[in-house]
Amino acid sequence: MARIELFDVATATGDAAAYLGRNLKPGVQPNNHVRLYAHAPFLSRLFALFRAPMQAEGAGSVLSCYIKEMVVIKTSHVNGCAYCYAHNTAIGQAAGITHEQVLAIGSDDYMTSPHLSPRERAAVLWAEHVTKNTAKHFDDTEIFELTLICGLFNFTNRVHDSLKIDLDEPAQVEKVKATTRLDPDKLKASVQAVLDHWPTAFPEPNSDAAPARRAS
């Protein structure tokens, strides 16, 4: 059970309701990731502008979604994040990753698996040991992207696991299979929508007392 309440389309109000309602059919409950991120709708929209082109392909990324989802699946498997693993297994299958490859990625002997090419093994190894130099199958730009996507999902895994976000129903997970390639024009529209709805005021930080400065 989630540590914090997940917003509901039927009862959400204000900025949270607006966040849930964007790009969603009225009355249809979004997945638990979206319901969680409604707690910080503005920050979540800014985060999405980075996450979408980073995870998908077609808007400036040089790596295929196929390779990136292998990295995400391994990262989520190593971290034990069932939520991210379930969603990204579905996305990975949409990108062309087979069930046998998913099993190989999650195994301890993926480096000898006949289901993975040397380049694919290197990507999975990079996800497991980000600081280990296994770059011979990738150029510098690809190495940077691999490291970004691995770091991104170490972050996402921690968020979902720390807050104990429940898995979505299988039908909800299946919906993410349509997200492997990003339309640059839609991303541009999303950026413009953030600008068009830029808040006129932001909440003040909580007034936690700062530690008293020591006299010099």
C-alpha atoms as a PDB file:
ATOM      1  CA  MET A   1       0.000   0.000   0.000  1.00  0.00           C
ATOM      2  CA  ALA A   2       1.315   3.441  -0.929  1.00  0.00           C
ATOM      3  CA  ARG A   3       2.816   5.536   1.861  1.00  0.00           C
ATOM      4  CA  ILE A   4       1.015   8.657   0.623  1.00  0.00           C
ATOM      5  CA  GLU A   5      -2.401   9.190  -0.924  1.00  0.00           C
ATOM      6  CA  LEU A   6      -2.674   8.930  -4.690  1.00  0.00           C
ATOM      7  CA  PHE A   7      -4.904  11.537  -6.299  1.00  0.00           C
ATOM      8  CA  ASP A   8      -8.206  10.457  -7.827  1.00  0.00           C
ATOM      9  CA  VAL A   9      -9.607  12.049 -10.978  1.00  0.00           C
ATOM     10  CA  ALA A  10     -13.083  12.168  -9.439  1.00  0.00           C
ATOM     11  CA  THR A  11     -12.062  14.067  -6.307  1.00  0.00           C
ATOM     12  CA  ALA A  12      -8.900  16.013  -7.186  1.00  0.00           C
ATOM     13  CA  THR A  13      -9.127  19.798  -7.242  1.00  0.00           C
ATOM     14  CA  GLY A  14      -6.991  22.768  -8.287  1.00  0.00           C
ATOM     15  CA  ASP A  15      -3.596  22.220  -9.865  1.00  0.00           C
ATOM     16  CA  ALA A  16      -3.681  18.480  -9.140  1.00  0.00           C
ATOM     17  CA  ALA A  17      -6.953  18.113 -11.058  1.00  0.00           C
ATOM     18  CA  ALA A  18      -5.562  20.115 -13.976  1.00  0.00           C
ATOM     19  CA  TYR A  19      -2.442  17.946 -14.029  1.00  0.00           C
ATOM     20  CA  LEU A  20      -4.477  14.733 -14.032  1.00  0.00           C
ATOM     21  CA  GLY A  21      -6.801  16.037 -16.699  1.00  0.00           C
ATOM     22  CA  ARG A  22      -4.192  17.016 -19.267  1.00  0.00           C
ATOM     23  CA  ASN A  23      -3.987  14.484 -22.116  1.00  0.00           C
ATOM     24  CA  LEU A  24      -6.328  12.098 -20.305  1.00  0.00           C
ATOM     25  CA  LYS A  25      -9.868  11.160 -21.199  1.00  0.00           C
ATOM     26  CA  PRO A  26     -12.440  12.616 -18.768  1.00  0.00           C
ATOM     27  CA  GLY A  27     -13.440  10.147 -16.085  1.00  0.00           C
ATOM     28  CA  VAL A  28     -10.651   7.686 -16.875  1.00  0.00           C
ATOM     29  CA  GLN A  29      -8.310   7.008 -13.987  1.00  0.00           C
ATOM     30  CA  PRO A  30      -4.633   7.573 -14.914  1.00  0.00           C
ATOM     31  CA  ASN A  31      -1.958   5.157 -13.790  1.00  0.00           C
ATOM     32  CA  ASN A  32      -0.490   5.306 -10.297  1.00  0.00           C
ATOM     33  CA  HIS A  33       2.666   7.105 -11.459  1.00  0.00           C
ATOM     34  CA  VAL A  34       0.588  10.036 -12.718  1.00  0.00           C
ATOM     35  CA  ARG A  35      -1.621   9.986  -9.602  1.00  0.00           C
ATOM     36  CA  LEU A  36       1.510  10.178  -7.444  1.00  0.00           C
ATOM     37  CA  TYR A  37       3.186  12.979  -9.374  1.00  0.00           C
ATOM     38  CA  ALA A  38       0.038  15.110  -9.073  1.00  0.00           C
ATOM     39  CA  HIS A  39       1.325  16.010  -5.610  1.00  0.00           C
ATOM     40  CA  ALA A  40       3.762  18.385  -7.342  1.00  0.00           C
ATOM     41  CA  PRO A  41       2.078  19.122 -10.673  1.00  0.00           C
ATOM     42  CA  PHE A  42       4.293  21.952 -11.891  1.00  0.00           C
ATOM     43  CA  LEU A  43       7.553  20.202 -11.018  1.00  0.00           C
ATOM     44  CA  SER A  44       6.182  17.006 -12.515  1.00  0.00           C
ATOM     45  CA  ARG A  45       5.431  18.690 -15.824  1.00  0.00           C
ATOM     46  CA  LEU A  46       8.965  20.086 -15.970  1.00  0.00           C
ATOM     47  CA  PHE A  47      10.326  16.640 -15.123  1.00  0.00           C
ATOM     48  CA  ALA A  48       8.220  15.083 -17.885  1.00  0.00           C
ATOM     49  CA  LEU A  49       9.774  17.434 -20.451  1.00  0.00           C
ATOM     50  CA  PHE A  50      13.115  15.794 -19.648  1.00  0.00           C
ATOM     51  CA  ARG A  51      11.902  12.243 -19.078  1.00  0.00           C
ATOM     52  CA  ALA A  52       9.876  11.874 -22.284  1.00  0.00           C
ATOM     53  CA  PRO A  53      12.653  12.534 -24.832  1.00  0.00           C
ATOM     54  CA  MET A  54      15.184  10.806 -22.590  1.00  0.00           C
ATOM     55  CA  GLN A  55      13.255   7.545 -22.418  1.00  0.00           C
ATOM     56  CA  ALA A  56      11.638   7.521 -25.863  1.00  0.00           C
ATOM     57  CA  GLU A  57      13.199   8.227 -29.249  1.00  0.00           C
ATOM     58  CA  GLY A  58      12.598  10.706 -32.034  1.00  0.00           C
ATOM     59  CA  ALA A  59      13.208  14.044 -30.291  1.00  0.00           C
ATOM     60  CA  GLY A  60      16.966  14.469 -30.145  1.00  0.00           C
ATOM     61  CA  SER A  61      18.005  11.144 -28.642  1.00  0.00           C
ATOM     62  CA  VAL A  62      20.457   9.066 -30.683  1.00  0.00           C
ATOM     63  CA  LEU A  63      19.846   5.733 -28.953  1.00  0.00           C
ATOM     64  CA  SER A  64      16.914   3.537 -29.876  1.00  0.00           C
ATOM     65  CA  CYS A  65      14.147   2.941 -27.355  1.00  0.00           C
ATOM     66  CA  TYR A  66      15.036  -0.738 -27.764  1.00  0.00           C
ATOM     67  CA  ILE A  67      18.488  -0.259 -26.214  1.00  0.00           C
ATOM     68  CA  LYS A  68      17.341   2.274 -23.627  1.00  0.00           C
ATOM     69  CA  GLU A  69      14.574   0.013 -22.357  1.00  0.00           C
ATOM     70  CA  MET A  70      17.125  -2.766 -21.854  1.00  0.00           C
ATOM     71  CA  VAL A  71      18.986  -0.347 -19.583  1.00  0.00           C
ATOM     72  CA  VAL A  72      15.787   0.614 -17.776  1.00  0.00           C
ATOM     73  CA  ILE A  73      14.692  -3.002 -17.299  1.00  0.00           C
ATOM     74  CA  LYS A  74      18.095  -3.958 -15.843  1.00  0.00           C
ATOM     75  CA  THR A  75      18.208  -0.864 -13.627  1.00  0.00           C
ATOM     76  CA  SER A  76      14.718  -1.567 -12.288  1.00  0.00           C
ATOM     77  CA  HIS A  77      15.536  -5.250 -11.813  1.00  0.00           C
ATOM     78  CA  VAL A  78      18.722  -4.529  -9.858  1.00  0.00           C
ATOM     79  CA  ASN A  79      16.867  -2.012  -7.676  1.00  0.00           C
ATOM     80  CA  GLY A  80      13.954  -4.396  -7.189  1.00  0.00           C
ATOM     81  CA  CYS A  81      11.428  -1.767  -8.323  1.00  0.00           C
ATOM     82  CA  ALA A  82       8.444  -3.889  -9.349  1.00  0.00           C
ATOM     83  CA  TYR A  83       6.447  -0.877 -10.591  1.00  0.00           C
ATOM     84  CA  CYS A  84       9.083   0.399 -13.027  1.00  0.00           C
ATOM     85  CA  TYR A  85      10.005  -3.140 -14.040  1.00  0.00           C
ATOM     86  CA  ALA A  86       6.402  -3.979 -14.969  1.00  0.00           C
ATOM     87  CA  HIS A  87       5.801  -0.802 -16.977  1.00  0.00           C
ATOM     88  CA  ASN A  88       9.125  -0.865 -18.761  1.00  0.00           C
ATOM     89  CA  THR A  89       8.905  -4.539 -19.591  1.00  0.00           C
ATOM     90  CA  ALA A  90       5.724  -3.593 -21.461  1.00  0.00           C
ATOM     91  CA  ILE A  91       7.400  -0.631 -23.172  1.00  0.00           C
ATOM     92  CA  GLY A  92      10.404  -2.799 -23.975  1.00  0.00           C
ATOM     93  CA  GLN A  93       8.215  -5.415 -25.623  1.00  0.00           C
ATOM     94  CA  ALA A  94       6.610  -2.676 -27.716  1.00  0.00           C
ATOM     95  CA  ALA A  95      10.120  -1.594 -28.741  1.00  0.00           C
ATOM     96  CA  GLY A  96      10.961  -5.142 -29.839  1.00  0.00           C
ATOM     97  CA  ILE A  97      12.506  -6.747 -26.741  1.00  0.00           C
ATOM     98  CA  THR A  98      11.438 -10.366 -26.548  1.00  0.00           C
ATOM     99  CA  HIS A  99      10.316 -12.289 -23.474  1.00  0.00           C
ATOM    100  CA  GLU A 100      13.511 -14.352 -23.696  1.00  0.00           C
ATOM    101  CA  GLN A 101      15.588 -11.174 -23.713  1.00  0.00           C
ATOM    102  CA  VAL A 102      13.721  -9.823 -20.673  1.00  0.00           C
ATOM    103  CA  LEU A 103      14.550 -13.033 -18.805  1.00  0.00           C
ATOM    104  CA  ALA A 104      18.177 -12.836 -19.929  1.00  0.00           C
ATOM    105  CA  ILE A 105      18.493  -9.187 -18.833  1.00  0.00           C
ATOM    106  CA  GLY A 106      17.224 -10.107 -15.378  1.00  0.00           C
ATOM    107  CA  SER A 107      19.556 -13.077 -14.997  1.00  0.00           C
ATOM    108  CA  ASP A 108      23.090 -13.227 -13.603  1.00  0.00           C
ATOM    109  CA  ASP A 109      24.533 -14.710 -16.785  1.00  0.00           C
ATOM    110  CA  TYR A 110      23.301 -12.147 -19.311  1.00  0.00           C
ATOM    111  CA  MET A 111      26.869 -11.620 -20.530  1.00  0.00           C
ATOM    112  CA  THR A 112      26.808 -15.110 -22.069  1.00  0.00           C
ATOM    113  CA  SER A 113      23.150 -15.137 -23.150  1.00  0.00           C
ATOM    114  CA  PRO A 114      22.559 -16.091 -26.794  1.00  0.00           C
ATOM    115  CA  HIS A 115      19.520 -13.810 -26.756  1.00  0.00           C
ATOM    116  CA  LEU A 116      21.625 -10.640 -26.423  1.00  0.00           C
ATOM    117  CA  SER A 117      24.162  -9.219 -28.871  1.00  0.00           C
ATOM    118  CA  PRO A 118      27.549  -7.917 -27.639  1.00  0.00           C
ATOM    119  CA  ARG A 119      26.238  -4.335 -27.886  1.00  0.00           C
ATOM    120  CA  GLU A 120      23.099  -5.235 -25.922  1.00  0.00           C
ATOM    121  CA  ARG A 121      25.150  -7.018 -23.241  1.00  0.00           C
ATOM    122  CA  ALA A 122      27.354  -3.940 -22.927  1.00  0.00           C
ATOM    123  CA  ALA A 123      24.309  -1.720 -22.410  1.00  0.00           C
ATOM    124  CA  VAL A 124      22.937  -4.030 -19.713  1.00  0.00           C
ATOM    125  CA  LEU A 125      26.345  -4.230 -18.037  1.00  0.00           C
ATOM    126  CA  TRP A 126      26.567  -0.440 -18.062  1.00  0.00           C
ATOM    127  CA  ALA A 127      23.217  -0.278 -16.298  1.00  0.00           C
ATOM    128  CA  GLU A 128      24.452  -2.677 -13.626  1.00  0.00           C
ATOM    129  CA  HIS A 129      27.830  -1.034 -13.167  1.00  0.00           C
ATOM    130  CA  VAL A 130      27.489   2.559 -14.369  1.00  0.00           C
ATOM    131  CA  THR A 131      30.981   3.482 -13.261  1.00  0.00           C
ATOM    132  CA  LYS A 132      32.704   0.583 -15.034  1.00  0.00           C
ATOM    133  CA  ASN A 133      34.095   1.405 -18.473  1.00  0.00           C
ATOM    134  CA  THR A 134      32.424  -0.901 -20.981  1.00  0.00           C
ATOM    135  CA  ALA A 135      32.268   1.694 -23.718  1.00  0.00           C
ATOM    136  CA  LYS A 136      33.795  -0.112 -26.653  1.00  0.00           C
ATOM    137  CA  HIS A 137      30.368  -0.724 -28.276  1.00  0.00           C
ATOM    138  CA  PHE A 138      29.194   2.904 -27.909  1.00  0.00           C
ATOM    139  CA  ASP A 139      30.413   6.326 -28.920  1.00  0.00           C
ATOM    140  CA  ASP A 140      30.695   9.210 -26.445  1.00  0.00           C
ATOM    141  CA  THR A 141      27.192  10.573 -27.081  1.00  0.00           C
ATOM    142  CA  GLU A 142      25.651   7.144 -26.626  1.00  0.00           C
ATOM    143  CA  ILE A 143      27.612   6.592 -23.401  1.00  0.00           C
ATOM    144  CA  PHE A 144      26.254   9.889 -22.083  1.00  0.00           C
ATOM    145  CA  GLU A 145      22.677   8.902 -22.944  1.00  0.00           C
ATOM    146  CA  LEU A 146      23.063   5.447 -21.417  1.00  0.00           C
ATOM    147  CA  THR A 147      24.330   6.997 -18.204  1.00  0.00           C
ATOM    148  CA  LEU A 148      21.515   9.566 -18.166  1.00  0.00           C
ATOM    149  CA  ILE A 149      18.781   6.969 -18.632  1.00  0.00           C
ATOM    150  CA  CYS A 150      20.345   4.715 -15.980  1.00  0.00           C
ATOM    151  CA  GLY A 151      20.561   7.644 -13.559  1.00  0.00           C
ATOM    152  CA  LEU A 152      17.008   8.702 -14.390  1.00  0.00           C
ATOM    153  CA  PHE A 153      15.601   5.309 -13.518  1.00  0.00           C
ATOM    154  CA  ASN A 154      17.679   4.951 -10.391  1.00  0.00           C
ATOM    155  CA  PHE A 155      15.830   8.133  -9.371  1.00  0.00           C
ATOM    156  CA  THR A 156      12.421   6.879 -10.515  1.00  0.00           C
ATOM    157  CA  ASN A 157      12.934   3.474  -8.895  1.00  0.00           C
ATOM    158  CA  ARG A 158      13.740   5.135  -5.568  1.00  0.00           C
ATOM    159  CA  VAL A 159      10.624   7.338  -5.765  1.00  0.00           C
ATOM    160  CA  HIS A 160       8.253   4.464  -6.516  1.00  0.00           C
ATOM    161  CA  ASP A 161       9.801   2.019  -4.060  1.00  0.00           C
ATOM    162  CA  SER A 162      10.263   4.457  -1.175  1.00  0.00           C
ATOM    163  CA  LEU A 163       6.611   5.481  -1.452  1.00  0.00           C
ATOM    164  CA  LYS A 164       5.502   1.858  -2.004  1.00  0.00           C
ATOM    165  CA  ILE A 165       3.436   2.626  -5.109  1.00  0.00           C
ATOM    166  CA  ASP A 166       1.128  -0.275  -5.938  1.00  0.00           C
ATOM    167  CA  LEU A 167       1.335  -1.952  -9.313  1.00  0.00           C
ATOM    168  CA  ASP A 168      -1.280  -0.913 -11.853  1.00  0.00           C
ATOM    169  CA  GLU A 169      -3.700  -3.425 -13.281  1.00  0.00           C
ATOM    170  CA  PRO A 170      -2.295  -5.289 -16.340  1.00  0.00           C
ATOM    171  CA  ALA A 171      -4.620  -3.399 -18.704  1.00  0.00           C
ATOM    172  CA  GLN A 172      -3.215  -0.105 -17.405  1.00  0.00           C
ATOM    173  CA  VAL A 173       0.357  -1.300 -17.881  1.00  0.00           C
ATOM    174  CA  GLU A 174      -0.416  -2.344 -21.462  1.00  0.00           C
ATOM    175  CA  LYS A 175      -1.285   1.266 -22.329  1.00  0.00           C
ATOM    176  CA  VAL A 176       2.342   2.362 -22.010  1.00  0.00           C
ATOM    177  CA  LYS A 177       3.334   0.282 -25.031  1.00  0.00           C
ATOM    178  CA  ALA A 178       2.386   3.173 -27.313  1.00  0.00           C
ATOM    179  CA  THR A 179       5.121   5.435 -25.939  1.00  0.00           C
ATOM    180  CA  THR A 180       8.307   4.176 -27.589  1.00  0.00           C
ATOM    181  CA  ARG A 181       8.693   7.009 -30.102  1.00  0.00           C
ATOM    182  CA  LEU A 182       8.198  10.670 -29.323  1.00  0.00           C
ATOM    183  CA  ASP A 183       6.780  13.186 -31.787  1.00  0.00           C
ATOM    184  CA  PRO A 184       8.987  16.328 -31.566  1.00  0.00           C
ATOM    185  CA  ASP A 185       5.994  18.529 -32.385  1.00  0.00           C
ATOM    186  CA  LYS A 186       4.058  17.086 -29.447  1.00  0.00           C
ATOM    187  CA  LEU A 187       7.041  17.709 -27.182  1.00  0.00           C
ATOM    188  CA  LYS A 188       7.197  21.289 -28.446  1.00  0.00           C
ATOM    189  CA  ALA A 189       3.483  21.657 -27.707  1.00  0.00           C
ATOM    190  CA  SER A 190       4.080  20.325 -24.192  1.00  0.00           C
ATOM    191  CA  VAL A 191       6.841  22.880 -23.630  1.00  0.00           C
ATOM    192  CA  GLN A 192       4.539  25.628 -24.918  1.00  0.00           C
ATOM    193  CA  ALA A 193       1.732  24.420 -22.650  1.00  0.00           C
ATOM    194  CA  VAL A 194       4.038  24.738 -19.636  1.00  0.00           C
ATOM    195  CA  LEU A 195       4.923  28.275 -20.704  1.00  0.00           C
ATOM    196  CA  ASP A 196       1.278  29.168 -21.393  1.00  0.00           C
ATOM    197  CA  HIS A 197       0.288  27.959 -17.923  1.00  0.00           C
ATOM    198  CA  TRP A 198       3.309  29.329 -16.074  1.00  0.00           C
ATOM    199  CA  PRO A 199       2.151  30.083 -12.506  1.00  0.00           C
ATOM    200  CA  THR A 200       1.730  33.714 -11.598  1.00  0.00           C
ATOM    201  CA  ALA A 201       2.985  32.900  -8.115  1.00  0.00           C
ATOM    202  CA  PHE A 202       4.804  30.030  -6.458  1.00  0.00           C
ATOM    203  CA  PRO A 203       4.320  28.762  -2.908  1.00  0.00           C
ATOM    204  CA  GLU A 204       6.835  29.930  -0.361  1.00  0.00           C
ATOM    205  CA  PRO A 205       9.145  27.275   1.089  1.00  0.00           C
ATOM    206  CA  ASN A 206       8.129  25.956   4.488  1.00  0.00           C
ATOM    207  CA  SER A 207       9.351  28.263   7.224  1.00  0.00           C
ATOM    208  CA  ASP A 208      11.701  25.795   8.838  1.00  0.00           C
ATOM    209  CA  ALA A 209      14.101  27.646  11.096  1.00  0.00           C
ATOM    210  CA  ALA A 210      17.588  27.819   9.654  1.00  0.00           C
ATOM    211  CA  PRO A 211      20.440  26.872  11.998  1.00  0.00           C
ATOM    212  CA  ALA A 212      21.802  29.928  13.739  1.00  0.00           C
ATOM    213  CA  ARG A 213      24.996  31.137  12.139  1.00  0.00           C
ATOM    214  CA  ARG A 214      28.047  30.998  14.270  1.00  0.00           C
ATOM    215  CA  ALA A 215      29.560  34.304  15.125  1.00  0.00           C
ATOM    216  CA  SER A 216      32.669  34.938  13.098  1.00  0.00           C
END
